[in-house]
Amino acid sequence: MKLVDKTMRCAIVKRIAVDFVIVIMITLLSSCVKETSTNPDDFGYTSGIITFTAYEDSSQTDLEIFLIDRESFSPEIFNISNSITDDYQPVWLYNRNALAYIASTNIQSSINKVNPLTLEQYTLLTVNERISKIAASPTEPKLAYIQTISGQSEFALNVLDIETLDTLRLSTISPNNNPLLAWSTDGAKLAVSSGVVMIFDGATNGLLHHINTSADYMDWDLGAEKIYVIRSGDLFLVDTLSEFSILTGFGLSYPTISPNRKYMAAISQTRGNELIVIDLITESFEGVKQVAVPSTVNGDNRLIGWSPNSRQISFIDLADNLWSIYIADEDYAYDAVRLTDDLTLKKALIW
C-alpha cells in the first residue's frame, strides 16, 4: 500500500506540474495575441491599422488599397487589393474585423470585402454601373452605396446586407454637389446629402425627413439628433428647425470628426493649409502642422483619420519629395511623427 500511495502521489505531483506549465504557456501566449473587441476605445488587433488609397507606381494608372499597422514593431505596408481594377473608398465594416472597398473598371464596379490579417478577398456585389461612394453602418452588417443608373442622369441610393447580400433601393438622388453618406453612431439613421440632406431610418430604411441645407461635408453629433455641416469652408450644427454657427472664416477643408464626436480635424486654407483640431464642445481650436495637400481621387477627400479611441490623428503630408503618413498624439500636444517613408503616391486614408 505504501508503494502504491507513493506512486500515486508522484503521479499527482507530476500532473499538477504539467498543468501548471500549461497554464503558464497559455498565459504567455495569450499576452502576445491581440483580441478583437467591440469596445469603441479598444478595437483589438485592428486598432492600429491605417488604410490608404495610393497609386502603386509613378505611372498613376492603377489605384490600390494599402494598409499599415502602426502598432507593429517594424510597420510594413501591405497591398490588400492588388488587382487590375481601380480600387478606392476603403471603409471599416461594423465590427472592424474586415474592410470593404470599391473595385472599378470602365464597364463594371464591385464592392469587395477583405480580411486585414489574411488578406482573403470576397466579392459582395458586382454591377454594370459605376459605384462612387460606400458607407458602413457602425452597428449592423449593412453598406449604403451610391451608383450610376444606365441611361439616366440620377444616381441610385442603395443598401446592401453584407450577410444575405440582398440589396434595397432607398431612393434616387441628384448627382450634383458630390453626394455624401453618413451613418449615425448608433446606426439608427443614415444621412444622404444631395442638394438637401435626406434622413433615412436605419432599421426600416424609410425616409424620416429632410434638412434644408447643402453640405460639402457632414457627420452626426453623438446624440444622432443634429448634423455637423461644412459649407463653403464654414462649420455649422444643423437640425430640421435650426442652424448654429461654430467656426467661420477659416476655409475648412478635408474635415473628419472623431469617433467620440468631441473633436474635428480639418485643414484651414486661410491659415496657410494648417492642420487644426477643433474642440466641438468649447468651439476652440489648436494648430498642429502646416501641411501640403495631395490631389484627391474619385471624390475621396479623407486626408485625415482619427484613431478609434479619438486620441490620435493620422494625416498625409509631403516631406523630402515623399508623400508620407504622419501620426499626431493628443497626449503630446499633437506633435507629429512620420510613420511611412515610401514612394507610393498617397491620396486618402482612414484609421
Protein backbone atom coordinates (compact mmCIF):
# COMPACT_ATOMS: atom_id res chain seq x y z
CA MET A 1 0.00 0.00 0.00
CA LYS A 2 2.80 2.40 0.80
CA LEU A 3 4.40 1.78 -2.61
CA VAL A 4 1.06 2.36 -4.32
CA ASP A 5 0.46 5.51 -2.29
CA LYS A 6 3.92 6.81 -3.14
CA THR A 7 3.38 6.07 -6.85
CA MET A 8 0.01 7.81 -6.79
CA ARG A 9 1.49 10.83 -5.01
CA CYS A 10 4.24 11.06 -7.61
CA ALA A 11 1.69 10.86 -10.42
CA ILE A 12 -0.43 13.59 -8.83
CA VAL A 13 2.59 15.85 -8.33
CA LYS A 14 3.65 15.32 -11.96
CA ARG A 15 0.12 16.06 -13.16
CA ILE A 16 -0.01 19.26 -11.13
CA ALA A 17 3.38 20.32 -12.51
CA VAL A 18 2.28 19.66 -16.10
CA ASP A 19 -0.97 21.56 -15.58
CA PHE A 20 0.97 24.47 -14.08
CA VAL A 21 3.32 24.60 -17.08
CA ILE A 22 0.35 24.50 -19.47
CA VAL A 23 -1.33 27.40 -17.63
CA ILE A 24 1.90 29.43 -17.77
CA MET A 25 2.27 28.74 -21.51
CA ILE A 26 -1.33 29.71 -22.25
CA THR A 27 -0.91 32.91 -20.24
CA LEU A 28 2.27 33.83 -22.09
CA LEU A 29 0.78 33.07 -25.48
CA SER A 30 -2.42 34.98 -24.78
CA SER A 31 -0.38 38.03 -23.82
CA CYS A 32 1.13 38.01 -27.31
CA VAL A 33 -2.19 37.89 -29.15
CA LYS A 34 -4.49 40.87 -29.58
CA GLU A 35 -8.12 40.01 -29.08
CA THR A 36 -10.97 41.57 -31.03
CA SER A 37 -13.16 43.93 -29.03
CA THR A 38 -16.30 45.85 -29.83
CA ASN A 39 -15.42 48.50 -27.25
CA PRO A 40 -15.02 51.76 -29.19
CA ASP A 41 -11.98 52.59 -27.03
CA ASP A 42 -10.25 49.28 -27.85
CA PHE A 43 -10.80 47.66 -31.22
CA GLY A 44 -8.27 44.89 -30.59
CA TYR A 45 -5.88 43.89 -33.33
CA THR A 46 -7.27 46.42 -35.84
CA SER A 47 -6.96 49.47 -33.57
CA GLY A 48 -3.59 50.43 -35.04
CA ILE A 49 -4.32 49.66 -38.69
CA ILE A 50 -4.37 52.66 -41.03
CA THR A 51 -5.66 52.12 -44.57
CA PHE A 52 -4.98 54.39 -47.51
CA THR A 53 -5.51 54.70 -51.25
CA ALA A 54 -2.49 55.23 -53.47
CA TYR A 55 -1.14 54.74 -56.95
CA GLU A 56 1.15 51.73 -56.92
CA ASP A 57 3.74 53.36 -59.17
CA SER A 58 4.65 56.67 -60.79
CA SER A 59 2.56 55.97 -63.91
CA GLN A 60 -0.59 56.72 -61.84
CA THR A 61 -2.68 54.23 -63.79
CA ASP A 62 -3.58 51.74 -61.06
CA LEU A 63 -5.19 52.77 -57.79
CA GLU A 64 -4.68 50.29 -54.95
CA ILE A 65 -5.65 49.93 -51.29
CA PHE A 66 -2.82 49.60 -48.77
CA LEU A 67 -2.64 49.15 -45.02
CA ILE A 68 -0.03 49.63 -42.34
CA ASP A 69 -0.22 48.62 -38.67
CA ARG A 70 1.37 51.41 -36.67
CA GLU A 71 1.46 49.17 -33.56
CA SER A 72 3.82 46.67 -35.21
CA PHE A 73 7.44 46.67 -34.03
CA SER A 74 8.53 47.31 -37.61
CA PRO A 75 5.48 48.56 -39.56
CA GLU A 76 5.26 47.32 -43.14
CA ILE A 77 2.94 48.41 -45.94
CA PHE A 78 0.69 45.74 -47.45
CA ASN A 79 -1.29 45.95 -50.69
CA ILE A 80 -4.70 44.49 -49.83
CA SER A 81 -6.38 44.85 -53.22
CA ASN A 82 -3.65 44.21 -55.82
CA SER A 83 -5.84 43.84 -58.91
CA ILE A 84 -6.12 45.33 -62.38
CA THR A 85 -9.12 47.40 -61.27
CA ASP A 86 -9.04 50.87 -59.75
CA ASP A 87 -9.58 50.28 -56.03
CA TYR A 88 -10.77 53.09 -53.76
CA GLN A 89 -13.08 54.21 -50.93
CA PRO A 90 -11.93 51.76 -48.21
CA VAL A 91 -14.23 51.61 -45.14
CA TRP A 92 -14.20 49.55 -41.97
CA LEU A 93 -17.19 47.26 -41.53
CA TYR A 94 -19.23 47.50 -38.35
CA ASN A 95 -17.05 45.29 -36.11
CA ARG A 96 -13.69 46.36 -37.63
CA ASN A 97 -12.87 42.72 -38.40
CA ALA A 98 -12.89 43.45 -42.13
CA LEU A 99 -12.65 46.23 -44.70
CA ALA A 100 -14.77 46.91 -47.75
CA TYR A 101 -13.73 48.87 -50.82
CA ILE A 102 -14.82 49.63 -54.38
CA ALA A 103 -13.09 47.94 -57.33
CA SER A 104 -13.97 49.55 -60.65
CA THR A 105 -13.26 49.19 -64.38
CA ASN A 106 -14.70 51.01 -67.39
CA ILE A 107 -17.60 48.54 -67.60
CA GLN A 108 -18.43 47.47 -64.05
CA SER A 109 -17.88 48.02 -60.31
CA SER A 110 -17.67 45.64 -57.37
CA ILE A 111 -17.77 46.00 -53.61
CA ASN A 112 -15.16 43.71 -52.12
CA LYS A 113 -14.56 42.60 -48.55
CA VAL A 114 -11.07 41.81 -47.26
CA ASN A 115 -9.71 40.32 -44.04
CA PRO A 116 -6.92 42.68 -42.89
CA LEU A 117 -4.88 39.82 -41.39
CA THR A 118 -5.09 37.10 -44.02
CA LEU A 119 -5.85 39.47 -46.97
CA GLU A 120 -8.51 36.95 -48.05
CA GLN A 121 -10.95 38.57 -50.51
CA TYR A 122 -14.70 38.23 -51.05
CA THR A 123 -16.86 39.94 -53.67
CA LEU A 124 -20.07 41.19 -52.07
CA LEU A 125 -21.66 42.84 -55.11
CA THR A 126 -20.98 43.45 -58.80
CA VAL A 127 -22.92 45.86 -61.03
CA ASN A 128 -22.55 47.09 -64.60
CA GLU A 129 -22.56 50.71 -63.45
CA ARG A 130 -20.08 52.81 -61.50
CA ILE A 131 -20.22 52.81 -57.70
CA SER A 132 -18.92 56.10 -56.37
CA LYS A 133 -19.47 56.04 -52.60
CA ILE A 134 -19.90 53.46 -49.84
CA ALA A 135 -20.53 53.89 -46.10
CA ALA A 136 -20.76 51.12 -43.50
CA SER A 137 -23.23 51.07 -40.63
CA PRO A 138 -21.31 51.19 -37.32
CA THR A 139 -23.65 48.70 -35.65
CA GLU A 140 -25.08 46.39 -38.34
CA PRO A 141 -23.76 44.38 -41.32
CA LYS A 142 -25.02 47.00 -43.80
CA LEU A 143 -23.40 49.09 -46.51
CA ALA A 144 -25.02 52.12 -48.11
CA TYR A 145 -23.73 52.86 -51.60
CA ILE A 146 -24.31 55.25 -54.49
CA GLN A 147 -24.16 54.10 -58.10
CA THR A 148 -24.95 55.48 -61.52
CA ILE A 149 -28.06 54.28 -63.38
CA SER A 150 -27.59 53.33 -67.02
CA GLY A 151 -29.27 55.81 -69.36
CA GLN A 152 -30.37 58.13 -66.54
CA SER A 153 -28.97 61.34 -65.09
CA GLU A 154 -29.87 60.38 -61.50
CA PHE A 155 -27.89 58.20 -59.09
CA ALA A 156 -29.26 55.24 -57.12
CA LEU A 157 -29.01 55.15 -53.33
CA ASN A 158 -28.97 51.51 -52.21
CA VAL A 159 -28.31 49.49 -49.05
CA LEU A 160 -26.50 46.13 -49.16
CA ASP A 161 -26.95 43.48 -46.45
CA ILE A 162 -23.43 42.08 -46.06
CA GLU A 163 -24.65 38.74 -44.71
CA THR A 164 -27.52 37.94 -47.09
CA LEU A 165 -26.13 40.04 -49.99
CA ASP A 166 -29.64 41.41 -50.58
CA THR A 167 -29.87 44.98 -51.92
CA LEU A 168 -32.60 47.56 -51.40
CA ARG A 169 -33.17 50.77 -53.37
CA LEU A 170 -33.82 53.62 -50.93
CA SER A 171 -34.08 56.50 -53.37
CA THR A 172 -32.75 58.17 -56.48
CA ILE A 173 -30.67 61.30 -55.93
CA SER A 174 -29.20 64.12 -57.93
CA PRO A 175 -25.56 63.67 -58.97
CA ASN A 176 -24.89 67.34 -58.23
CA ASN A 177 -22.83 68.60 -55.28
CA ASN A 178 -20.83 65.38 -54.74
CA PRO A 179 -23.39 63.21 -52.84
CA LEU A 180 -22.38 62.36 -49.25
CA LEU A 181 -23.27 59.49 -46.90
CA ALA A 182 -23.15 59.50 -43.07
CA TRP A 183 -24.42 56.91 -40.56
CA SER A 184 -25.20 58.00 -37.01
CA THR A 185 -23.02 56.41 -34.32
CA ASP A 186 -25.87 54.15 -33.17
CA GLY A 187 -26.68 53.06 -36.72
CA ALA A 188 -30.25 54.31 -36.30
CA LYS A 189 -30.09 56.94 -39.05
CA LEU A 190 -28.48 57.41 -42.45
CA ALA A 191 -27.98 60.94 -43.77
CA VAL A 192 -27.63 61.49 -47.51
CA SER A 193 -26.66 64.88 -48.90
CA SER A 194 -27.51 65.82 -52.47
CA GLY A 195 -28.68 69.42 -52.60
CA VAL A 196 -30.64 68.85 -49.39
CA VAL A 197 -29.98 66.32 -46.62
CA MET A 198 -32.32 63.32 -46.51
CA ILE A 199 -32.57 61.33 -43.27
CA PHE A 200 -33.44 57.62 -43.51
CA ASP A 201 -34.38 55.21 -40.72
CA GLY A 202 -31.54 52.71 -40.27
CA ALA A 203 -33.92 49.90 -39.26
CA THR A 204 -36.86 50.33 -41.66
CA ASN A 205 -34.93 52.15 -44.43
CA GLY A 206 -37.82 54.59 -44.70
CA LEU A 207 -37.40 58.32 -45.27
CA LEU A 208 -37.83 60.21 -41.99
CA HIS A 209 -37.44 63.86 -43.02
CA HIS A 210 -35.32 66.42 -44.85
CA ILE A 211 -32.92 69.07 -43.60
CA ASN A 212 -32.90 72.07 -45.89
CA THR A 213 -29.15 72.59 -46.19
CA SER A 214 -26.38 71.83 -48.62
CA ALA A 215 -23.11 70.30 -47.44
CA ASP A 216 -19.55 69.91 -48.62
CA TYR A 217 -19.04 67.64 -45.58
CA MET A 218 -21.40 66.26 -42.95
CA ASP A 219 -21.45 63.92 -39.98
CA TRP A 220 -23.69 63.28 -36.98
CA ASP A 221 -23.38 64.56 -33.44
CA LEU A 222 -23.24 61.99 -30.64
CA GLY A 223 -26.98 62.08 -29.94
CA ALA A 224 -27.92 61.46 -33.60
CA GLU A 225 -30.24 64.46 -33.49
CA LYS A 226 -28.12 67.09 -35.23
CA ILE A 227 -25.55 67.09 -38.02
CA TYR A 228 -22.25 68.92 -38.29
CA VAL A 229 -22.08 70.51 -41.73
CA ILE A 230 -19.32 72.36 -43.54
CA ARG A 231 -20.48 74.75 -46.26
CA SER A 232 -18.07 76.93 -48.20
CA GLY A 233 -15.41 76.37 -45.53
CA ASP A 234 -17.63 77.27 -42.54
CA LEU A 235 -18.73 74.84 -39.80
CA PHE A 236 -22.35 74.64 -38.57
CA LEU A 237 -24.52 72.36 -36.44
CA VAL A 238 -27.96 71.88 -38.02
CA ASP A 239 -31.25 70.09 -37.49
CA THR A 240 -34.69 70.37 -39.06
CA LEU A 241 -35.52 73.65 -37.27
CA SER A 242 -32.28 75.49 -36.55
CA GLU A 243 -28.68 76.14 -37.53
CA PHE A 244 -25.83 77.09 -35.20
CA SER A 245 -22.55 78.60 -36.37
CA ILE A 246 -19.46 77.03 -34.78
CA LEU A 247 -16.43 78.24 -36.74
CA THR A 248 -16.44 80.58 -39.73
CA GLY A 249 -13.82 82.32 -41.80
CA PHE A 250 -11.21 79.54 -41.64
CA GLY A 251 -11.76 77.94 -45.04
CA LEU A 252 -12.13 74.44 -43.61
CA SER A 253 -11.43 71.54 -45.98
CA TYR A 254 -10.71 67.79 -45.70
CA PRO A 255 -12.56 67.61 -42.35
CA THR A 256 -13.17 64.49 -40.29
CA ILE A 257 -14.90 64.10 -36.94
CA SER A 258 -13.54 61.98 -34.09
CA PRO A 259 -15.37 58.75 -33.14
CA ASN A 260 -16.38 60.23 -29.77
CA ARG A 261 -17.82 63.27 -31.58
CA LYS A 262 -15.86 65.71 -29.41
CA TYR A 263 -13.33 66.91 -31.98
CA MET A 264 -13.00 67.69 -35.65
CA ALA A 265 -9.72 67.81 -37.56
CA ALA A 266 -9.51 69.85 -40.77
CA ILE A 267 -7.21 71.86 -42.99
CA SER A 268 -7.59 75.65 -42.65
CA GLN A 269 -6.95 77.28 -46.01
CA THR A 270 -6.98 80.79 -44.55
CA ARG A 271 -4.18 79.75 -42.16
CA GLY A 272 -1.91 78.56 -44.95
CA ASN A 273 -3.14 74.94 -45.10
CA GLU A 274 -2.61 74.40 -41.40
CA LEU A 275 -3.98 71.18 -39.90
CA ILE A 276 -6.11 72.20 -36.92
CA VAL A 277 -8.08 70.29 -34.27
CA ILE A 278 -11.40 71.86 -33.31
CA ASP A 279 -12.97 71.22 -29.90
CA LEU A 280 -16.65 70.94 -30.78
CA ILE A 281 -17.73 71.48 -27.17
CA THR A 282 -15.82 74.69 -26.47
CA GLU A 283 -15.74 75.77 -30.16
CA SER A 284 -12.00 76.47 -29.84
CA PHE A 285 -9.13 75.07 -31.89
CA GLU A 286 -5.38 74.46 -31.87
CA GLY A 287 -2.91 74.24 -34.72
CA VAL A 288 -1.00 71.05 -35.43
CA LYS A 289 1.17 71.47 -38.53
CA GLN A 290 1.38 73.22 -41.89
CA VAL A 291 0.75 70.52 -44.49
CA ALA A 292 0.86 70.01 -48.23
CA VAL A 293 -2.39 68.77 -49.71
CA PRO A 294 -2.33 65.93 -52.26
CA SER A 295 -4.80 65.93 -55.14
CA THR A 296 -7.69 63.62 -54.34
CA VAL A 297 -9.18 60.83 -56.42
CA ASN A 298 -12.78 59.78 -57.07
CA GLY A 299 -14.20 62.30 -54.63
CA ASP A 300 -12.41 60.73 -51.65
CA ASN A 301 -11.26 63.70 -49.57
CA ARG A 302 -10.11 61.82 -46.47
CA LEU A 303 -6.71 63.38 -45.91
CA ILE A 304 -7.03 62.95 -42.13
CA GLY A 305 -8.10 59.97 -39.99
CA TRP A 306 -8.88 59.61 -36.27
CA SER A 307 -7.76 56.65 -34.15
CA PRO A 308 -10.63 54.54 -32.73
CA ASN A 309 -10.04 55.99 -29.24
CA SER A 310 -10.18 59.60 -30.57
CA ARG A 311 -6.77 60.48 -29.08
CA GLN A 312 -4.60 60.46 -32.21
CA ILE A 313 -4.85 61.65 -35.77
CA SER A 314 -3.12 60.38 -38.89
CA PHE A 315 -2.66 62.52 -41.97
CA ILE A 316 -0.84 62.73 -45.30
CA ASP A 317 1.89 65.30 -45.85
CA LEU A 318 4.75 65.90 -48.27
CA ALA A 319 8.32 65.88 -46.99
CA ASP A 320 11.61 65.21 -48.81
CA ASN A 321 9.59 64.77 -52.03
CA LEU A 322 7.70 61.84 -50.48
CA TRP A 323 4.03 61.67 -49.56
CA SER A 324 4.16 60.20 -46.06
CA ILE A 325 1.68 59.35 -43.31
CA TYR A 326 2.16 61.15 -40.00
CA ILE A 327 0.76 60.46 -36.54
CA ALA A 328 -0.07 63.22 -34.04
CA ASP A 329 -0.95 62.30 -30.46
CA GLU A 330 -3.15 64.39 -28.18
CA ASP A 331 -1.05 63.31 -25.18
CA TYR A 332 1.98 65.04 -26.72
CA ALA A 333 0.28 68.25 -27.85
CA TYR A 334 -0.28 66.75 -31.31
CA ASP A 335 3.44 66.59 -32.05
CA ALA A 336 3.65 64.91 -35.48
CA VAL A 337 5.83 61.84 -36.11
CA ARG A 338 6.36 60.31 -39.55
CA LEU A 339 5.05 56.74 -39.88
CA THR A 340 5.84 55.88 -43.51
CA ASP A 341 8.73 56.72 -45.79
CA ASP A 342 7.98 55.12 -49.15
CA LEU A 343 7.29 56.13 -52.75
CA THR A 344 3.58 55.32 -53.06
CA LEU A 345 1.61 58.41 -54.06
CA LYS A 346 -0.90 58.53 -51.21
CA LYS A 347 -4.32 60.04 -51.82
CA ALA A 348 -6.75 59.25 -48.99
CA LEU A 349 -6.73 57.39 -45.68
CA ILE A 350 -8.87 56.05 -42.86
CA TRP A 351 -7.95 54.79 -39.40
